[in-house]
Amino acid sequence: MKKLFALFAGIIMLACIAAGINEAAAKARPAPEVEIYVDISNQTMEVDVNGWPYGRWKVSTARDGYYTPRGSWRPFMLKKMHYSKKYDNSPMPNSIFFLGGYAIHATYYINQLGRPASHGCIRLHPQNAAKLYSLVQQHGLSATRITISN
């Protein structure tokens, strides 16, 4: 009887451990479906969806005297049309905010794409910004990661 009780207790203990592992796995963040990589040294952005290449575009990041942050974030807000309170109500169409007032957004100064020109945000061609905005909207903020490096 003692052996049967010990066996039963062992099975219950294993079940509890397995439940804890499954609970931890359920709480872990899933891999992002949309990965946005910005390379400041090349002034380019690469976008992958579910591990597959989606697009590679020219961008403009911070010009001299300004800074584009480096790191990895999940975006926290989408705004179809935003006007910068800090920079003279400058239009920021298709904005994807990832850190405070920093965003990826469209620019009308497309001739500056491929070189530093912004106050810190990441500027894209309007067509590419619209595609990216739609993609992030479709997959969701929590399924998107933005990584910016040199």
N, C-alpha and C. Protein backbone atom coordinates (compact mmCIF):
# COMPACT_ATOMS: atom_id res chain seq x y z
N MET A 1 0.81 -1.19 0.00
CA MET A 1 0.00 0.00 0.00
C MET A 1 0.87 1.27 0.00
N LYS A 2 2.00 1.22 0.77
CA LYS A 2 2.89 2.37 0.81
C LYS A 2 3.50 2.63 -0.56
N LYS A 3 3.84 1.53 -1.29
CA LYS A 3 4.42 1.70 -2.62
C LYS A 3 3.40 2.31 -3.58
N LEU A 4 2.17 1.89 -3.47
CA LEU A 4 1.11 2.42 -4.32
C LEU A 4 0.90 3.91 -4.03
N PHE A 5 0.89 4.28 -2.75
CA PHE A 5 0.73 5.68 -2.35
C PHE A 5 1.91 6.52 -2.87
N ALA A 6 3.13 6.01 -2.75
CA ALA A 6 4.32 6.71 -3.21
C ALA A 6 4.28 6.90 -4.73
N LEU A 7 3.83 5.87 -5.45
CA LEU A 7 3.70 5.95 -6.90
C LEU A 7 2.66 7.01 -7.28
N PHE A 8 1.52 6.98 -6.59
CA PHE A 8 0.46 7.94 -6.84
C PHE A 8 0.95 9.37 -6.56
N ALA A 9 1.66 9.58 -5.46
CA ALA A 9 2.19 10.89 -5.10
C ALA A 9 3.20 11.36 -6.15
N GLY A 10 4.03 10.44 -6.66
CA GLY A 10 5.01 10.78 -7.69
C GLY A 10 4.34 11.22 -8.98
N ILE A 11 3.26 10.53 -9.34
CA ILE A 11 2.53 10.89 -10.56
C ILE A 11 1.92 12.28 -10.42
N ILE A 12 1.36 12.57 -9.26
CA ILE A 12 0.77 13.89 -9.02
C ILE A 12 1.86 14.96 -9.09
N MET A 13 3.02 14.67 -8.50
CA MET A 13 4.11 15.64 -8.51
C MET A 13 4.57 15.92 -9.94
N LEU A 14 4.71 14.88 -10.75
CA LEU A 14 5.11 15.06 -12.14
C LEU A 14 4.08 15.87 -12.91
N ALA A 15 2.81 15.61 -12.66
CA ALA A 15 1.74 16.36 -13.32
C ALA A 15 1.82 17.84 -12.95
N CYS A 16 2.10 18.14 -11.69
CA CYS A 16 2.23 19.53 -11.24
C CYS A 16 3.42 20.21 -11.91
N ILE A 17 4.53 19.51 -11.99
CA ILE A 17 5.73 20.06 -12.63
C ILE A 17 5.44 20.33 -14.11
N ALA A 18 4.81 19.39 -14.78
CA ALA A 18 4.48 19.55 -16.20
C ALA A 18 3.53 20.72 -16.39
N ALA A 19 2.56 20.88 -15.49
CA ALA A 19 1.62 22.00 -15.59
C ALA A 19 2.36 23.31 -15.42
N GLY A 20 3.34 23.37 -14.53
CA GLY A 20 4.14 24.58 -14.33
C GLY A 20 4.95 24.91 -15.56
N ILE A 21 5.50 23.92 -16.21
CA ILE A 21 6.27 24.13 -17.43
C ILE A 21 5.35 24.64 -18.53
N ASN A 22 4.17 24.03 -18.68
CA ASN A 22 3.23 24.47 -19.71
C ASN A 22 2.75 25.89 -19.43
N GLU A 23 2.53 26.21 -18.15
CA GLU A 23 2.10 27.56 -17.79
C GLU A 23 3.18 28.57 -18.13
N ALA A 24 4.44 28.24 -17.83
CA ALA A 24 5.55 29.14 -18.15
C ALA A 24 5.67 29.33 -19.66
N ALA A 25 5.50 28.25 -20.40
CA ALA A 25 5.58 28.33 -21.85
C ALA A 25 4.45 29.19 -22.40
N ALA A 26 3.27 29.08 -21.81
CA ALA A 26 2.13 29.87 -22.26
C ALA A 26 2.35 31.36 -21.97
N LYS A 27 3.03 31.68 -20.87
CA LYS A 27 3.27 33.07 -20.51
C LYS A 27 4.40 33.69 -21.32
N ALA A 28 5.31 32.87 -21.86
CA ALA A 28 6.43 33.39 -22.64
C ALA A 28 5.89 34.08 -23.90
N ARG A 29 6.53 35.18 -24.27
CA ARG A 29 6.08 35.89 -25.46
C ARG A 29 6.39 35.08 -26.70
N PRO A 30 5.43 34.99 -27.60
CA PRO A 30 5.71 34.29 -28.85
C PRO A 30 6.67 35.11 -29.71
N ALA A 31 7.34 34.44 -30.61
CA ALA A 31 8.23 35.13 -31.53
C ALA A 31 7.40 36.10 -32.36
N PRO A 32 7.94 37.28 -32.64
CA PRO A 32 7.17 38.24 -33.42
C PRO A 32 6.92 37.74 -34.83
N GLU A 33 5.78 38.09 -35.36
CA GLU A 33 5.44 37.73 -36.74
C GLU A 33 6.04 38.73 -37.72
N VAL A 34 6.15 39.99 -37.27
CA VAL A 34 6.70 41.05 -38.11
C VAL A 34 7.99 41.55 -37.46
N GLU A 35 9.11 41.39 -38.16
CA GLU A 35 10.41 41.87 -37.69
C GLU A 35 10.84 43.01 -38.59
N ILE A 36 11.12 44.17 -37.98
CA ILE A 36 11.56 45.35 -38.71
C ILE A 36 12.99 45.65 -38.26
N TYR A 37 13.93 45.61 -39.20
CA TYR A 37 15.34 45.86 -38.90
C TYR A 37 15.76 47.15 -39.60
N VAL A 38 16.28 48.10 -38.83
CA VAL A 38 16.77 49.35 -39.40
C VAL A 38 18.28 49.37 -39.21
N ASP A 39 19.00 49.54 -40.30
CA ASP A 39 20.46 49.64 -40.27
C ASP A 39 20.83 51.09 -40.54
N ILE A 40 21.25 51.79 -39.49
CA ILE A 40 21.55 53.22 -39.60
C ILE A 40 22.74 53.46 -40.52
N SER A 41 23.75 52.60 -40.46
CA SER A 41 24.94 52.82 -41.29
C SER A 41 24.63 52.74 -42.78
N ASN A 42 23.65 51.91 -43.15
CA ASN A 42 23.27 51.78 -44.56
C ASN A 42 22.02 52.56 -44.92
N GLN A 43 21.34 53.15 -43.89
CA GLN A 43 20.09 53.87 -44.10
C GLN A 43 19.08 52.99 -44.85
N THR A 44 18.94 51.76 -44.35
CA THR A 44 17.98 50.82 -44.94
C THR A 44 17.13 50.17 -43.86
N MET A 45 15.99 49.67 -44.30
CA MET A 45 15.10 48.89 -43.45
C MET A 45 14.78 47.59 -44.16
N GLU A 46 14.85 46.50 -43.40
CA GLU A 46 14.43 45.20 -43.90
C GLU A 46 13.25 44.74 -43.05
N VAL A 47 12.24 44.19 -43.70
CA VAL A 47 11.05 43.70 -43.01
C VAL A 47 10.87 42.23 -43.35
N ASP A 48 10.73 41.42 -42.30
CA ASP A 48 10.45 39.99 -42.45
C ASP A 48 9.09 39.71 -41.83
N VAL A 49 8.33 38.81 -42.46
CA VAL A 49 7.05 38.37 -41.92
C VAL A 49 7.11 36.86 -41.77
N ASN A 50 6.93 36.40 -40.55
CA ASN A 50 7.01 34.97 -40.24
C ASN A 50 8.30 34.35 -40.76
N GLY A 51 9.39 35.10 -40.65
CA GLY A 51 10.70 34.60 -41.05
C GLY A 51 11.02 34.74 -42.52
N TRP A 52 10.09 35.27 -43.30
CA TRP A 52 10.30 35.42 -44.74
C TRP A 52 10.49 36.88 -45.11
N PRO A 53 11.40 37.18 -46.05
CA PRO A 53 11.61 38.57 -46.46
C PRO A 53 10.33 39.17 -47.06
N TYR A 54 10.02 40.38 -46.64
CA TYR A 54 8.84 41.09 -47.13
C TYR A 54 9.24 42.32 -47.95
N GLY A 55 10.23 43.06 -47.44
CA GLY A 55 10.65 44.26 -48.15
C GLY A 55 11.98 44.78 -47.65
N ARG A 56 12.65 45.54 -48.51
CA ARG A 56 13.90 46.22 -48.15
C ARG A 56 13.80 47.61 -48.76
N TRP A 57 13.88 48.64 -47.91
CA TRP A 57 13.63 50.00 -48.35
C TRP A 57 14.68 50.96 -47.82
N LYS A 58 14.86 52.07 -48.54
CA LYS A 58 15.71 53.16 -48.06
C LYS A 58 14.94 53.90 -46.97
N VAL A 59 15.70 54.40 -45.98
CA VAL A 59 15.11 55.21 -44.92
C VAL A 59 15.98 56.44 -44.71
N SER A 60 15.47 57.36 -43.92
CA SER A 60 16.28 58.46 -43.39
C SER A 60 16.14 58.43 -41.88
N THR A 61 17.28 58.45 -41.21
CA THR A 61 17.30 58.52 -39.75
C THR A 61 17.89 59.88 -39.36
N ALA A 62 18.29 60.02 -38.11
CA ALA A 62 18.71 61.32 -37.57
C ALA A 62 19.91 61.93 -38.31
N ARG A 63 19.75 63.19 -38.63
CA ARG A 63 20.86 63.96 -39.21
C ARG A 63 21.75 64.48 -38.08
N ASP A 64 22.86 65.13 -38.44
CA ASP A 64 23.78 65.67 -37.44
C ASP A 64 23.04 66.55 -36.44
N GLY A 65 23.37 66.37 -35.17
CA GLY A 65 22.75 67.15 -34.11
C GLY A 65 21.52 66.48 -33.52
N TYR A 66 21.08 65.37 -34.10
CA TYR A 66 19.91 64.63 -33.61
C TYR A 66 20.30 63.17 -33.43
N TYR A 67 19.40 62.39 -32.86
CA TYR A 67 19.73 61.01 -32.52
C TYR A 67 18.56 60.08 -32.79
N THR A 68 18.85 58.96 -33.42
CA THR A 68 17.89 57.86 -33.56
C THR A 68 18.31 56.79 -32.56
N PRO A 69 17.42 56.39 -31.66
CA PRO A 69 17.81 55.41 -30.64
C PRO A 69 18.13 54.05 -31.24
N ARG A 70 19.06 53.35 -30.60
CA ARG A 70 19.41 51.98 -30.99
C ARG A 70 18.83 51.04 -29.95
N GLY A 71 18.39 49.86 -30.40
CA GLY A 71 17.83 48.87 -29.49
C GLY A 71 16.70 48.11 -30.17
N SER A 72 15.91 47.46 -29.34
CA SER A 72 14.80 46.63 -29.84
C SER A 72 13.55 46.91 -29.02
N TRP A 73 12.46 47.16 -29.71
CA TRP A 73 11.19 47.50 -29.06
C TRP A 73 10.01 46.86 -29.79
N ARG A 74 8.92 46.76 -29.06
CA ARG A 74 7.64 46.46 -29.68
C ARG A 74 6.91 47.80 -29.78
N PRO A 75 6.28 48.07 -30.91
CA PRO A 75 5.58 49.35 -31.03
C PRO A 75 4.41 49.41 -30.05
N PHE A 76 4.06 50.64 -29.64
CA PHE A 76 2.98 50.79 -28.67
C PHE A 76 1.77 51.54 -29.22
N MET A 77 1.91 52.17 -30.41
CA MET A 77 0.78 52.92 -30.94
C MET A 77 0.91 53.10 -32.45
N LEU A 78 -0.24 53.04 -33.12
CA LEU A 78 -0.34 53.34 -34.54
C LEU A 78 -1.21 54.58 -34.69
N LYS A 79 -0.79 55.51 -35.55
CA LYS A 79 -1.63 56.67 -35.86
C LYS A 79 -1.57 56.88 -37.37
N LYS A 80 -2.74 56.84 -37.99
CA LYS A 80 -2.81 57.00 -39.44
C LYS A 80 -2.24 58.36 -39.86
N MET A 81 -2.57 59.41 -39.09
CA MET A 81 -1.98 60.72 -39.35
C MET A 81 -1.69 61.39 -38.01
N HIS A 82 -0.42 61.72 -37.82
CA HIS A 82 0.02 62.40 -36.60
C HIS A 82 0.73 63.68 -37.01
N TYR A 83 0.59 64.71 -36.19
CA TYR A 83 1.30 65.97 -36.41
C TYR A 83 2.22 66.20 -35.23
N SER A 84 3.49 66.41 -35.50
CA SER A 84 4.49 66.59 -34.46
C SER A 84 4.27 67.88 -33.68
N LYS A 85 4.05 67.74 -32.39
CA LYS A 85 3.92 68.92 -31.52
C LYS A 85 5.29 69.56 -31.30
N LYS A 86 6.34 68.77 -31.39
CA LYS A 86 7.70 69.25 -31.13
C LYS A 86 8.30 69.98 -32.33
N TYR A 87 7.93 69.56 -33.54
CA TYR A 87 8.55 70.12 -34.75
C TYR A 87 7.51 70.77 -35.67
N ASP A 88 6.94 71.87 -35.21
CA ASP A 88 6.09 72.74 -36.04
C ASP A 88 4.92 72.04 -36.73
N ASN A 89 4.29 71.13 -36.04
CA ASN A 89 3.13 70.42 -36.61
C ASN A 89 3.47 69.67 -37.89
N SER A 90 4.69 69.22 -38.01
CA SER A 90 5.10 68.46 -39.20
C SER A 90 4.26 67.20 -39.32
N PRO A 91 3.78 66.92 -40.54
CA PRO A 91 2.95 65.72 -40.72
C PRO A 91 3.79 64.44 -40.63
N MET A 92 3.21 63.44 -39.98
CA MET A 92 3.85 62.13 -39.83
C MET A 92 2.83 61.05 -40.21
N PRO A 93 2.56 60.88 -41.51
CA PRO A 93 1.56 59.90 -41.93
C PRO A 93 2.02 58.46 -41.63
N ASN A 94 1.05 57.60 -41.36
CA ASN A 94 1.30 56.17 -41.12
C ASN A 94 2.37 55.96 -40.06
N SER A 95 2.17 56.58 -38.90
CA SER A 95 3.15 56.51 -37.81
C SER A 95 3.03 55.24 -36.99
N ILE A 96 4.18 54.62 -36.74
CA ILE A 96 4.28 53.46 -35.87
C ILE A 96 5.22 53.88 -34.73
N PHE A 97 4.64 54.22 -33.57
CA PHE A 97 5.44 54.71 -32.44
C PHE A 97 6.04 53.54 -31.67
N PHE A 98 7.34 53.67 -31.35
CA PHE A 98 8.03 52.58 -30.65
C PHE A 98 8.76 53.01 -29.39
N LEU A 99 9.01 54.30 -29.20
CA LEU A 99 9.72 54.77 -28.00
C LEU A 99 9.39 56.25 -27.83
N GLY A 100 8.57 56.58 -26.83
CA GLY A 100 8.20 57.98 -26.62
C GLY A 100 7.66 58.60 -27.89
N GLY A 101 8.30 59.68 -28.35
CA GLY A 101 7.87 60.35 -29.57
C GLY A 101 8.54 59.84 -30.83
N TYR A 102 9.38 58.82 -30.71
CA TYR A 102 10.04 58.24 -31.88
C TYR A 102 9.09 57.31 -32.63
N ALA A 103 9.13 57.43 -33.96
CA ALA A 103 8.22 56.62 -34.78
C ALA A 103 8.87 56.32 -36.13
N ILE A 104 8.31 55.32 -36.77
CA ILE A 104 8.57 55.06 -38.18
C ILE A 104 7.38 55.69 -38.89
N HIS A 105 7.63 56.54 -39.90
CA HIS A 105 6.52 57.20 -40.58
C HIS A 105 6.92 57.61 -41.99
N ALA A 106 5.90 57.97 -42.77
CA ALA A 106 6.13 58.43 -44.14
C ALA A 106 6.72 59.83 -44.14
N THR A 107 7.42 60.12 -45.23
CA THR A 107 7.95 61.47 -45.45
C THR A 107 7.61 61.90 -46.86
N TYR A 108 7.46 63.21 -47.02
CA TYR A 108 7.24 63.77 -48.36
C TYR A 108 8.56 64.18 -48.99
N TYR A 109 9.64 64.12 -48.22
CA TYR A 109 10.98 64.46 -48.71
C TYR A 109 11.67 63.19 -49.21
N ILE A 110 11.11 62.59 -50.23
CA ILE A 110 11.61 61.29 -50.68
C ILE A 110 13.01 61.38 -51.31
N ASN A 111 13.39 62.56 -51.76
CA ASN A 111 14.74 62.69 -52.33
C ASN A 111 15.83 62.59 -51.26
N GLN A 112 15.46 62.67 -49.97
CA GLN A 112 16.44 62.55 -48.89
C GLN A 112 16.56 61.11 -48.37
N LEU A 113 15.71 60.22 -48.83
CA LEU A 113 15.79 58.82 -48.38
C LEU A 113 17.13 58.21 -48.78
N GLY A 114 17.69 57.43 -47.88
CA GLY A 114 19.00 56.82 -48.13
C GLY A 114 20.13 57.58 -47.47
N ARG A 115 19.79 58.70 -46.80
CA ARG A 115 20.80 59.46 -46.05
C ARG A 115 20.16 60.07 -44.81
N PRO A 116 20.95 60.37 -43.79
CA PRO A 116 20.41 60.96 -42.56
C PRO A 116 19.75 62.30 -42.85
N ALA A 117 18.50 62.49 -42.37
CA ALA A 117 17.80 63.75 -42.65
C ALA A 117 16.75 64.10 -41.59
N SER A 118 16.49 63.21 -40.65
CA SER A 118 15.38 63.42 -39.72
C SER A 118 15.82 64.02 -38.40
N HIS A 119 14.84 64.28 -37.54
CA HIS A 119 15.10 64.73 -36.16
C HIS A 119 15.26 63.53 -35.23
N GLY A 120 15.23 62.32 -35.76
CA GLY A 120 15.40 61.11 -34.95
C GLY A 120 14.46 59.99 -35.35
N CYS A 121 13.33 60.35 -35.93
CA CYS A 121 12.39 59.31 -36.39
C CYS A 121 12.99 58.60 -37.61
N ILE A 122 12.33 57.54 -38.00
CA ILE A 122 12.73 56.77 -39.18
C ILE A 122 11.73 57.07 -40.28
N ARG A 123 12.20 57.72 -41.31
CA ARG A 123 11.33 58.14 -42.42
C ARG A 123 11.37 57.10 -43.53
N LEU A 124 10.21 56.90 -44.14
CA LEU A 124 10.03 55.97 -45.26
C LEU A 124 9.30 56.66 -46.41
N HIS A 125 9.46 56.11 -47.59
CA HIS A 125 8.65 56.54 -48.74
C HIS A 125 7.18 56.32 -48.38
N PRO A 126 6.29 57.23 -48.76
CA PRO A 126 4.88 57.09 -48.40
C PRO A 126 4.25 55.74 -48.76
N GLN A 127 4.59 55.19 -49.92
CA GLN A 127 4.03 53.88 -50.31
C GLN A 127 4.51 52.78 -49.37
N ASN A 128 5.79 52.80 -49.02
CA ASN A 128 6.34 51.78 -48.13
C ASN A 128 5.82 51.95 -46.71
N ALA A 129 5.67 53.19 -46.27
CA ALA A 129 5.13 53.44 -44.94
C ALA A 129 3.69 52.93 -44.85
N ALA A 130 2.91 53.11 -45.90
CA ALA A 130 1.53 52.62 -45.91
C ALA A 130 1.49 51.09 -45.86
N LYS A 131 2.39 50.44 -46.60
CA LYS A 131 2.46 48.97 -46.57
C LYS A 131 2.83 48.47 -45.17
N LEU A 132 3.86 49.11 -44.58
CA LEU A 132 4.32 48.70 -43.26
C LEU A 132 3.24 48.94 -42.20
N TYR A 133 2.59 50.08 -42.25
CA TYR A 133 1.52 50.40 -41.31
C TYR A 133 0.42 49.34 -41.38
N SER A 134 0.00 49.01 -42.59
CA SER A 134 -1.03 48.00 -42.79
C SER A 134 -0.60 46.64 -42.26
N LEU A 135 0.64 46.30 -42.50
CA LEU A 135 1.19 45.02 -42.04
C LEU A 135 1.17 44.93 -40.51
N VAL A 136 1.63 45.98 -39.85
CA VAL A 136 1.65 46.01 -38.38
C VAL A 136 0.23 46.01 -37.84
N GLN A 137 -0.65 46.74 -38.49
CA GLN A 137 -2.07 46.78 -38.08
C GLN A 137 -2.69 45.39 -38.20
N GLN A 138 -2.38 44.69 -39.27
CA GLN A 138 -2.93 43.35 -39.52
C GLN A 138 -2.42 42.33 -38.50
N HIS A 139 -1.12 42.34 -38.22
CA HIS A 139 -0.53 41.35 -37.32
C HIS A 139 -0.61 41.74 -35.85
N GLY A 140 -0.67 43.04 -35.58
CA GLY A 140 -0.79 43.52 -34.21
C GLY A 140 0.51 44.04 -33.65
N LEU A 141 0.38 44.98 -32.72
CA LEU A 141 1.55 45.60 -32.09
C LEU A 141 2.39 44.59 -31.34
N SER A 142 1.73 43.68 -30.62
CA SER A 142 2.48 42.71 -29.80
C SER A 142 3.18 41.65 -30.64
N ALA A 143 2.81 41.53 -31.90
CA ALA A 143 3.45 40.56 -32.80
C ALA A 143 4.50 41.21 -33.69
N THR A 144 4.90 42.43 -33.33
CA THR A 144 5.86 43.20 -34.14
C THR A 144 7.05 43.58 -33.28
N ARG A 145 8.23 43.50 -33.86
CA ARG A 145 9.45 43.97 -33.17
C ARG A 145 10.22 44.86 -34.11
N ILE A 146 10.71 45.98 -33.56
CA ILE A 146 11.52 46.94 -34.30
C ILE A 146 12.92 46.90 -33.69
N THR A 147 13.93 46.63 -34.52
CA THR A 147 15.32 46.59 -34.05
C THR A 147 16.11 47.60 -34.87
N ILE A 148 16.80 48.48 -34.15
CA ILE A 148 17.59 49.53 -34.81
C ILE A 148 19.04 49.35 -34.37
N SER A 149 19.94 49.28 -35.34
CA SER A 149 21.36 49.12 -35.05
C SER A 149 22.19 49.94 -36.03
N ASN A 150 23.51 50.05 -35.72
CA ASN A 150 24.40 50.81 -36.61
C ASN A 150 24.75 50.01 -37.82
